[in-house]
Amino acid sequence: MNADLVIDRLFEALVAGDRPTSRAIIAEQTRAGADPATILTELFWPTYQLLDKLFRADKLTILSHNYATRLLRVLADQTAAELLSTSKAERNGRTVVAACGPSEASELGAQIAMDILESSGFTVRFAGGGVPIDEIQNAVQQDQPEALVMFCSEPGDLPDIRALIDTLYEVGACPDTQIVVGGGVFNRAEELAEEIGADLWATDPIELVDTMIHDGEHRAPADQRTVGRKRRIGRAA
């Protein structure tokens, strides 16, 4: 079946709050051979992006958006549980602390990305949204994770993320922790991630995983993004 058609069908079911039809669509894809990772990345993620785009354009009511995001999160939870239970990826020893903006849409997008990352061997601690920046900073300083991943779908979330990055630089905390950003606001504003000093950024979960794995294996592509790390080194000098 055409992928765009499946996305459209799922979208229509979600915005109508039609739980049985939504579940039936996922069951159809599973019977057709789609594995959990494919469903998360090739069905749920583009559907999430479509919902976010139309809602921002005032082409979805709040009611329809809430129906859709909450139902899609339930489906993503169920699919991720299956993915993680069947994943054969070995733990790679790399830890991630992740947080996002407070909206349901931000949490949904971040959660999908974190599930894919965990299934790829990372140890993930996902705080979700609404966590004060000082608490995130304390957690990073205490845990010293390989990466701090911040998702930002709303422009209003950006000042806190910028302040957190600036503070971590200024106090010299966690010099070996990569700062990774993703989410809609970074996709919509070119060079924004670089401007605020992030080490790495990605436009979707697959790119996030690929970028972090490549960097960890020291085989990143020539355009690997490590602006924030250079900024830290420059300040230390």
C-alpha atoms as a PDB file:
ATOM      1  CA  MET A   1       0.000   0.000   0.000  1.00  0.00           C
ATOM      2  CA  ASN A   2       1.138   3.511  -0.775  1.00  0.00           C
ATOM      3  CA  ALA A   3       2.841   5.037   2.270  1.00  0.00           C
ATOM      4  CA  ASP A   4       1.207   8.435   1.790  1.00  0.00           C
ATOM      5  CA  LEU A   5      -2.196   6.800   1.639  1.00  0.00           C
ATOM      6  CA  VAL A   6      -1.591   4.955   4.903  1.00  0.00           C
ATOM      7  CA  ILE A   7      -0.455   8.193   6.570  1.00  0.00           C
ATOM      8  CA  ASP A   8      -3.575   9.958   5.310  1.00  0.00           C
ATOM      9  CA  ARG A   9      -5.820   7.178   6.611  1.00  0.00           C
ATOM     10  CA  LEU A  10      -4.154   7.205   9.999  1.00  0.00           C
ATOM     11  CA  PHE A  11      -4.312  10.993  10.145  1.00  0.00           C
ATOM     12  CA  GLU A  12      -8.058  11.005   9.462  1.00  0.00           C
ATOM     13  CA  ALA A  13      -8.674   8.375  12.117  1.00  0.00           C
ATOM     14  CA  LEU A  14      -6.548  10.194  14.678  1.00  0.00           C
ATOM     15  CA  VAL A  15      -8.135  13.635  14.274  1.00  0.00           C
ATOM     16  CA  ALA A  16     -11.556  11.988  14.599  1.00  0.00           C
ATOM     17  CA  GLY A  17     -10.471  10.264  17.795  1.00  0.00           C
ATOM     18  CA  ASP A  18     -11.296   6.934  16.145  1.00  0.00           C
ATOM     19  CA  ARG A  19      -9.368   4.486  18.283  1.00  0.00           C
ATOM     20  CA  PRO A  20     -10.578   1.191  16.700  1.00  0.00           C
ATOM     21  CA  THR A  21      -9.754   2.353  13.169  1.00  0.00           C
ATOM     22  CA  SER A  22      -6.355   3.676  14.257  1.00  0.00           C
ATOM     23  CA  ARG A  23      -5.487   0.350  15.852  1.00  0.00           C
ATOM     24  CA  ALA A  24      -6.760  -1.525  12.799  1.00  0.00           C
ATOM     25  CA  ILE A  25      -4.462   0.475  10.503  1.00  0.00           C
ATOM     26  CA  ILE A  26      -1.444  -0.441  12.618  1.00  0.00           C
ATOM     27  CA  ALA A  27      -2.512  -4.098  12.656  1.00  0.00           C
ATOM     28  CA  GLU A  28      -2.788  -4.030   8.858  1.00  0.00           C
ATOM     29  CA  GLN A  29       0.749  -2.706   8.545  1.00  0.00           C
ATOM     30  CA  THR A  30       2.070  -5.336  10.938  1.00  0.00           C
ATOM     31  CA  ARG A  31       0.412  -8.113   8.945  1.00  0.00           C
ATOM     32  CA  ALA A  32       1.922  -6.619   5.802  1.00  0.00           C
ATOM     33  CA  GLY A  33       5.398  -7.058   7.301  1.00  0.00           C
ATOM     34  CA  ALA A  34       6.171  -3.651   8.822  1.00  0.00           C
ATOM     35  CA  ASP A  35       8.285  -4.008  11.941  1.00  0.00           C
ATOM     36  CA  PRO A  36       7.920  -1.695  14.982  1.00  0.00           C
ATOM     37  CA  ALA A  37      10.864   0.517  13.982  1.00  0.00           C
ATOM     38  CA  THR A  38       9.373   1.058  10.527  1.00  0.00           C
ATOM     39  CA  ILE A  39       5.968   1.895  11.989  1.00  0.00           C
ATOM     40  CA  LEU A  40       7.520   4.419  14.374  1.00  0.00           C
ATOM     41  CA  THR A  41       9.741   6.136  11.831  1.00  0.00           C
ATOM     42  CA  GLU A  42       7.849   5.814   8.556  1.00  0.00           C
ATOM     43  CA  LEU A  43       4.258   6.039   9.775  1.00  0.00           C
ATOM     44  CA  PHE A  44       4.029   7.668  13.197  1.00  0.00           C
ATOM     45  CA  TRP A  45       6.769  10.260  12.690  1.00  0.00           C
ATOM     46  CA  PRO A  46       5.482  11.724   9.392  1.00  0.00           C
ATOM     47  CA  THR A  47       1.941  11.639  10.789  1.00  0.00           C
ATOM     48  CA  TYR A  48       3.146  13.555  13.831  1.00  0.00           C
ATOM     49  CA  GLN A  49       4.825  16.101  11.552  1.00  0.00           C
ATOM     50  CA  LEU A  50       1.642  16.512   9.506  1.00  0.00           C
ATOM     51  CA  LEU A  51      -0.411  17.091  12.650  1.00  0.00           C
ATOM     52  CA  ASP A  52       2.072  19.651  13.914  1.00  0.00           C
ATOM     53  CA  LYS A  53       2.225  21.477  10.570  1.00  0.00           C
ATOM     54  CA  LEU A  54      -1.552  21.739  10.162  1.00  0.00           C
ATOM     55  CA  PHE A  55      -2.114  22.758  13.759  1.00  0.00           C
ATOM     56  CA  ARG A  56       0.421  25.565  13.437  1.00  0.00           C
ATOM     57  CA  ALA A  57      -1.355  26.717  10.288  1.00  0.00           C
ATOM     58  CA  ASP A  58      -4.672  26.853  12.198  1.00  0.00           C
ATOM     59  CA  LYS A  59      -6.078  24.086  10.018  1.00  0.00           C
ATOM     60  CA  LEU A  60      -6.870  21.820  12.966  1.00  0.00           C
ATOM     61  CA  THR A  61      -9.065  22.582  15.941  1.00  0.00           C
ATOM     62  CA  ILE A  62      -7.666  22.146  19.417  1.00  0.00           C
ATOM     63  CA  LEU A  63     -10.119  19.298  19.920  1.00  0.00           C
ATOM     64  CA  SER A  64      -8.955  17.420  16.817  1.00  0.00           C
ATOM     65  CA  HIS A  65      -5.300  18.058  17.671  1.00  0.00           C
ATOM     66  CA  ASN A  66      -5.807  16.732  21.198  1.00  0.00           C
ATOM     67  CA  TYR A  67      -7.658  13.668  19.940  1.00  0.00           C
ATOM     68  CA  ALA A  68      -4.824  12.964  17.542  1.00  0.00           C
ATOM     69  CA  THR A  69      -1.761  13.604  19.696  1.00  0.00           C
ATOM     70  CA  ARG A  70      -3.064  11.668  22.680  1.00  0.00           C
ATOM     71  CA  LEU A  71      -4.155   8.710  20.598  1.00  0.00           C
ATOM     72  CA  LEU A  72      -0.935   8.679  18.611  1.00  0.00           C
ATOM     73  CA  ARG A  73       1.043   8.687  21.840  1.00  0.00           C
ATOM     74  CA  VAL A  74      -0.832   5.602  23.050  1.00  0.00           C
ATOM     75  CA  LEU A  75      -0.082   3.843  19.761  1.00  0.00           C
ATOM     76  CA  ALA A  76       3.560   4.935  19.928  1.00  0.00           C
ATOM     77  CA  ASP A  77       3.848   3.591  23.488  1.00  0.00           C
ATOM     78  CA  GLN A  78       2.506   0.206  22.422  1.00  0.00           C
ATOM     79  CA  THR A  79       4.716   0.017  19.347  1.00  0.00           C
ATOM     80  CA  ALA A  80       7.811   1.131  21.251  1.00  0.00           C
ATOM     81  CA  ALA A  81       7.215  -1.531  23.888  1.00  0.00           C
ATOM     82  CA  GLU A  82       7.222  -4.158  21.153  1.00  0.00           C
ATOM     83  CA  LEU A  83      10.308  -2.607  19.551  1.00  0.00           C
ATOM     84  CA  LEU A  84      12.287  -2.602  22.790  1.00  0.00           C
ATOM     85  CA  SER A  85      11.245  -6.139  23.692  1.00  0.00           C
ATOM     86  CA  THR A  86      12.468  -7.480  20.349  1.00  0.00           C
ATOM     87  CA  SER A  87      15.533  -5.285  19.808  1.00  0.00           C
ATOM     88  CA  LYS A  88      18.782  -7.180  19.471  1.00  0.00           C
ATOM     89  CA  ALA A  89      21.023  -4.138  19.795  1.00  0.00           C
ATOM     90  CA  GLU A  90      23.607  -4.489  22.543  1.00  0.00           C
ATOM     91  CA  ARG A  91      24.029  -1.711  25.100  1.00  0.00           C
ATOM     92  CA  ASN A  92      26.761   0.582  23.785  1.00  0.00           C
ATOM     93  CA  GLY A  93      27.681   2.109  27.141  1.00  0.00           C
ATOM     94  CA  ARG A  94      26.454   5.561  26.105  1.00  0.00           C
ATOM     95  CA  THR A  95      23.936   7.358  28.307  1.00  0.00           C
ATOM     96  CA  VAL A  96      21.494  10.081  27.331  1.00  0.00           C
ATOM     97  CA  VAL A  97      19.504  12.521  29.444  1.00  0.00           C
ATOM     98  CA  ALA A  98      16.639  14.015  27.438  1.00  0.00           C
ATOM     99  CA  ALA A  99      13.938  16.606  27.986  1.00  0.00           C
ATOM    100  CA  CYS A 100      11.587  18.677  25.866  1.00  0.00           C
ATOM    101  CA  GLY A 101       9.033  21.467  25.876  1.00  0.00           C
ATOM    102  CA  PRO A 102       5.845  21.118  27.925  1.00  0.00           C
ATOM    103  CA  SER A 103       3.339  20.615  25.099  1.00  0.00           C
ATOM    104  CA  GLU A 104       1.830  17.228  24.317  1.00  0.00           C
ATOM    105  CA  ALA A 105       3.147  17.490  20.755  1.00  0.00           C
ATOM    106  CA  SER A 106       6.691  18.164  21.974  1.00  0.00           C
ATOM    107  CA  GLU A 107       6.587  15.160  24.280  1.00  0.00           C
ATOM    108  CA  LEU A 108       5.203  12.928  21.540  1.00  0.00           C
ATOM    109  CA  GLY A 109       7.944  13.810  19.058  1.00  0.00           C
ATOM    110  CA  ALA A 110      10.682  13.538  21.667  1.00  0.00           C
ATOM    111  CA  GLN A 111       9.364  10.226  22.937  1.00  0.00           C
ATOM    112  CA  ILE A 112       9.409   8.643  19.488  1.00  0.00           C
ATOM    113  CA  ALA A 113      13.005   9.774  19.011  1.00  0.00           C
ATOM    114  CA  MET A 114      14.063   8.476  22.431  1.00  0.00           C
ATOM    115  CA  ASP A 115      12.444   5.079  21.824  1.00  0.00           C
ATOM    116  CA  ILE A 116      14.404   4.707  18.576  1.00  0.00           C
ATOM    117  CA  LEU A 117      17.597   5.802  20.329  1.00  0.00           C
ATOM    118  CA  GLU A 118      17.107   3.309  23.166  1.00  0.00           C
ATOM    119  CA  SER A 119      16.405   0.481  20.735  1.00  0.00           C
ATOM    120  CA  SER A 120      19.764   1.296  19.107  1.00  0.00           C
ATOM    121  CA  GLY A 121      21.724   0.561  22.289  1.00  0.00           C
ATOM    122  CA  PHE A 122      21.706   3.848  24.208  1.00  0.00           C
ATOM    123  CA  THR A 123      20.678   4.073  27.855  1.00  0.00           C
ATOM    124  CA  VAL A 124      18.038   6.807  27.920  1.00  0.00           C
ATOM    125  CA  ARG A 125      16.594   8.851  30.767  1.00  0.00           C
ATOM    126  CA  PHE A 126      13.690  10.868  29.343  1.00  0.00           C
ATOM    127  CA  ALA A 127      12.251  13.577  31.606  1.00  0.00           C
ATOM    128  CA  GLY A 128       9.602  14.851  29.209  1.00  0.00           C
ATOM    129  CA  GLY A 129       8.369  18.421  29.466  1.00  0.00           C
ATOM    130  CA  GLY A 130       7.796  20.929  32.211  1.00  0.00           C
ATOM    131  CA  VAL A 131      11.031  20.236  34.098  1.00  0.00           C
ATOM    132  CA  PRO A 132      12.756  23.379  35.411  1.00  0.00           C
ATOM    133  CA  ILE A 133      16.024  24.137  33.666  1.00  0.00           C
ATOM    134  CA  ASP A 134      17.985  24.152  36.909  1.00  0.00           C
ATOM    135  CA  GLU A 135      16.824  20.597  37.639  1.00  0.00           C
ATOM    136  CA  ILE A 136      17.950  19.441  34.198  1.00  0.00           C
ATOM    137  CA  GLN A 137      21.305  21.122  34.769  1.00  0.00           C
ATOM    138  CA  ASN A 138      21.687  19.397  38.151  1.00  0.00           C
ATOM    139  CA  ALA A 139      20.818  16.018  36.605  1.00  0.00           C
ATOM    140  CA  VAL A 140      23.400  16.479  33.849  1.00  0.00           C
ATOM    141  CA  GLN A 141      26.097  17.523  36.315  1.00  0.00           C
ATOM    142  CA  GLN A 142      25.298  14.582  38.576  1.00  0.00           C
ATOM    143  CA  ASP A 143      24.935  11.878  35.913  1.00  0.00           C
ATOM    144  CA  GLN A 144      27.580  13.132  33.437  1.00  0.00           C
ATOM    145  CA  PRO A 145      25.770  11.556  30.465  1.00  0.00           C
ATOM    146  CA  GLU A 146      27.302  11.064  27.050  1.00  0.00           C
ATOM    147  CA  ALA A 147      24.666  13.416  25.665  1.00  0.00           C
ATOM    148  CA  LEU A 148      22.013  15.884  26.749  1.00  0.00           C
ATOM    149  CA  VAL A 149      19.210  15.851  24.170  1.00  0.00           C
ATOM    150  CA  MET A 150      16.737  18.737  24.145  1.00  0.00           C
ATOM    151  CA  PHE A 151      13.660  18.784  21.909  1.00  0.00           C
ATOM    152  CA  CYS A 152      12.041  22.088  21.131  1.00  0.00           C
ATOM    153  CA  SER A 153       8.861  22.255  19.058  1.00  0.00           C
ATOM    154  CA  GLU A 154       7.641  25.642  20.237  1.00  0.00           C
ATOM    155  CA  PRO A 155       9.551  28.933  19.885  1.00  0.00           C
ATOM    156  CA  GLY A 156       8.646  29.708  23.480  1.00  0.00           C
ATOM    157  CA  ASP A 157      10.765  26.766  24.658  1.00  0.00           C
ATOM    158  CA  LEU A 158      13.925  28.116  23.066  1.00  0.00           C
ATOM    159  CA  PRO A 159      15.011  30.733  25.678  1.00  0.00           C
ATOM    160  CA  ASP A 160      15.253  28.080  28.401  1.00  0.00           C
ATOM    161  CA  ILE A 161      17.296  25.770  26.182  1.00  0.00           C
ATOM    162  CA  ARG A 162      19.604  28.603  25.226  1.00  0.00           C
ATOM    163  CA  ALA A 163      20.014  29.579  28.891  1.00  0.00           C
ATOM    164  CA  LEU A 164      20.804  25.981  29.850  1.00  0.00           C
ATOM    165  CA  ILE A 165      23.480  25.650  27.179  1.00  0.00           C
ATOM    166  CA  ASP A 166      25.017  28.999  28.136  1.00  0.00           C
ATOM    167  CA  THR A 167      25.091  28.041  31.807  1.00  0.00           C
ATOM    168  CA  LEU A 168      26.741  24.691  31.149  1.00  0.00           C
ATOM    169  CA  TYR A 169      29.402  26.468  29.097  1.00  0.00           C
ATOM    170  CA  GLU A 170      29.958  29.235  31.635  1.00  0.00           C
ATOM    171  CA  VAL A 171      30.373  26.996  34.666  1.00  0.00           C
ATOM    172  CA  GLY A 172      32.455  24.483  32.729  1.00  0.00           C
ATOM    173  CA  ALA A 173      30.141  21.688  33.777  1.00  0.00           C
ATOM    174  CA  CYS A 174      30.127  18.369  31.953  1.00  0.00           C
ATOM    175  CA  PRO A 175      32.799  19.181  29.349  1.00  0.00           C
ATOM    176  CA  ASP A 176      32.468  15.703  27.827  1.00  0.00           C
ATOM    177  CA  THR A 177      28.679  15.785  27.511  1.00  0.00           C
ATOM    178  CA  GLN A 178      27.436  16.451  24.008  1.00  0.00           C
ATOM    179  CA  ILE A 179      24.524  18.846  23.683  1.00  0.00           C
ATOM    180  CA  VAL A 180      22.131  17.600  21.029  1.00  0.00           C
ATOM    181  CA  VAL A 181      19.003  19.446  19.908  1.00  0.00           C
ATOM    182  CA  GLY A 182      16.091  18.555  17.690  1.00  0.00           C
ATOM    183  CA  GLY A 183      12.479  19.360  17.064  1.00  0.00           C
ATOM    184  CA  GLY A 184      10.368  21.579  14.882  1.00  0.00           C
ATOM    185  CA  VAL A 185      11.759  24.957  15.860  1.00  0.00           C
ATOM    186  CA  PHE A 186      15.262  23.918  14.777  1.00  0.00           C
ATOM    187  CA  ASN A 187      13.934  22.525  11.501  1.00  0.00           C
ATOM    188  CA  ARG A 188      12.136  25.768  10.766  1.00  0.00           C
ATOM    189  CA  ALA A 189      15.014  28.100  11.602  1.00  0.00           C
ATOM    190  CA  GLU A 190      18.179  27.352   9.655  1.00  0.00           C
ATOM    191  CA  GLU A 191      21.433  27.580  11.653  1.00  0.00           C
ATOM    192  CA  LEU A 192      19.558  28.130  14.920  1.00  0.00           C
ATOM    193  CA  ALA A 193      21.105  25.060  16.556  1.00  0.00           C
ATOM    194  CA  GLU A 194      24.567  26.220  15.556  1.00  0.00           C
ATOM    195  CA  GLU A 195      23.849  29.725  16.809  1.00  0.00           C
ATOM    196  CA  ILE A 196      22.972  28.571  20.335  1.00  0.00           C
ATOM    197  CA  GLY A 197      26.053  26.336  20.519  1.00  0.00           C
ATOM    198  CA  ALA A 198      24.666  22.823  20.181  1.00  0.00           C
ATOM    199  CA  ASP A 199      27.140  20.064  19.348  1.00  0.00           C
ATOM    200  CA  LEU A 200      24.819  18.037  17.144  1.00  0.00           C
ATOM    201  CA  TRP A 201      21.308  18.361  15.766  1.00  0.00           C
ATOM    202  CA  ALA A 202      18.898  16.347  13.685  1.00  0.00           C
ATOM    203  CA  THR A 203      15.625  16.752  11.839  1.00  0.00           C
ATOM    204  CA  ASP A 204      14.084  13.357  12.642  1.00  0.00           C
ATOM    205  CA  PRO A 205      14.675  10.279  14.852  1.00  0.00           C
ATOM    206  CA  ILE A 206      16.594   8.321  12.212  1.00  0.00           C
ATOM    207  CA  GLU A 207      18.978  11.203  11.577  1.00  0.00           C
ATOM    208  CA  LEU A 208      19.379  11.672  15.330  1.00  0.00           C
ATOM    209  CA  VAL A 209      20.389   8.057  15.857  1.00  0.00           C
ATOM    210  CA  ASP A 210      22.666   7.980  12.813  1.00  0.00           C
ATOM    211  CA  THR A 211      24.367  11.237  13.774  1.00  0.00           C
ATOM    212  CA  MET A 212      24.960  10.173  17.382  1.00  0.00           C
ATOM    213  CA  ILE A 213      26.175   6.693  16.449  1.00  0.00           C
ATOM    214  CA  HIS A 214      28.531   8.035  13.769  1.00  0.00           C
ATOM    215  CA  ASP A 215      29.943  10.596  16.160  1.00  0.00           C
ATOM    216  CA  GLY A 216      30.412   8.018  18.905  1.00  0.00           C
ATOM    217  CA  GLU A 217      32.277   5.738  16.532  1.00  0.00           C
ATOM    218  CA  HIS A 218      34.446   8.653  15.357  1.00  0.00           C
ATOM    219  CA  ARG A 219      33.353   8.130  11.765  1.00  0.00           C
ATOM    220  CA  ALA A 220      31.065  11.093  11.362  1.00  0.00           C
ATOM    221  CA  PRO A 221      30.650  12.573   7.899  1.00  0.00           C
ATOM    222  CA  ALA A 222      32.735  15.514   6.831  1.00  0.00           C
ATOM    223  CA  ASP A 223      30.008  17.987   7.772  1.00  0.00           C
ATOM    224  CA  GLN A 224      29.593  16.546  11.278  1.00  0.00           C
ATOM    225  CA  ARG A 225      28.264  19.248  13.534  1.00  0.00           C
ATOM    226  CA  THR A 226      30.391  19.915  16.587  1.00  0.00           C
ATOM    227  CA  VAL A 227      30.061  23.671  16.896  1.00  0.00           C
ATOM    228  CA  GLY A 228      29.268  23.631  20.595  1.00  0.00           C
ATOM    229  CA  ARG A 229      32.269  21.503  21.463  1.00  0.00           C
ATOM    230  CA  LYS A 230      34.539  23.910  19.557  1.00  0.00           C
ATOM    231  CA  ARG A 231      32.925  26.772  21.432  1.00  0.00           C
ATOM    232  CA  ARG A 232      33.698  25.116  24.770  1.00  0.00           C
ATOM    233  CA  ILE A 233      37.300  24.491  23.747  1.00  0.00           C
ATOM    234  CA  GLY A 234      37.630  28.102  22.612  1.00  0.00           C
ATOM    235  CA  ARG A 235      36.364  29.413  25.915  1.00  0.00           C
ATOM    236  CA  ALA A 236      38.629  27.122  27.884  1.00  0.00           C
ATOM    237  CA  ALA A 237      41.596  28.428  25.963  1.00  0.00           C
END
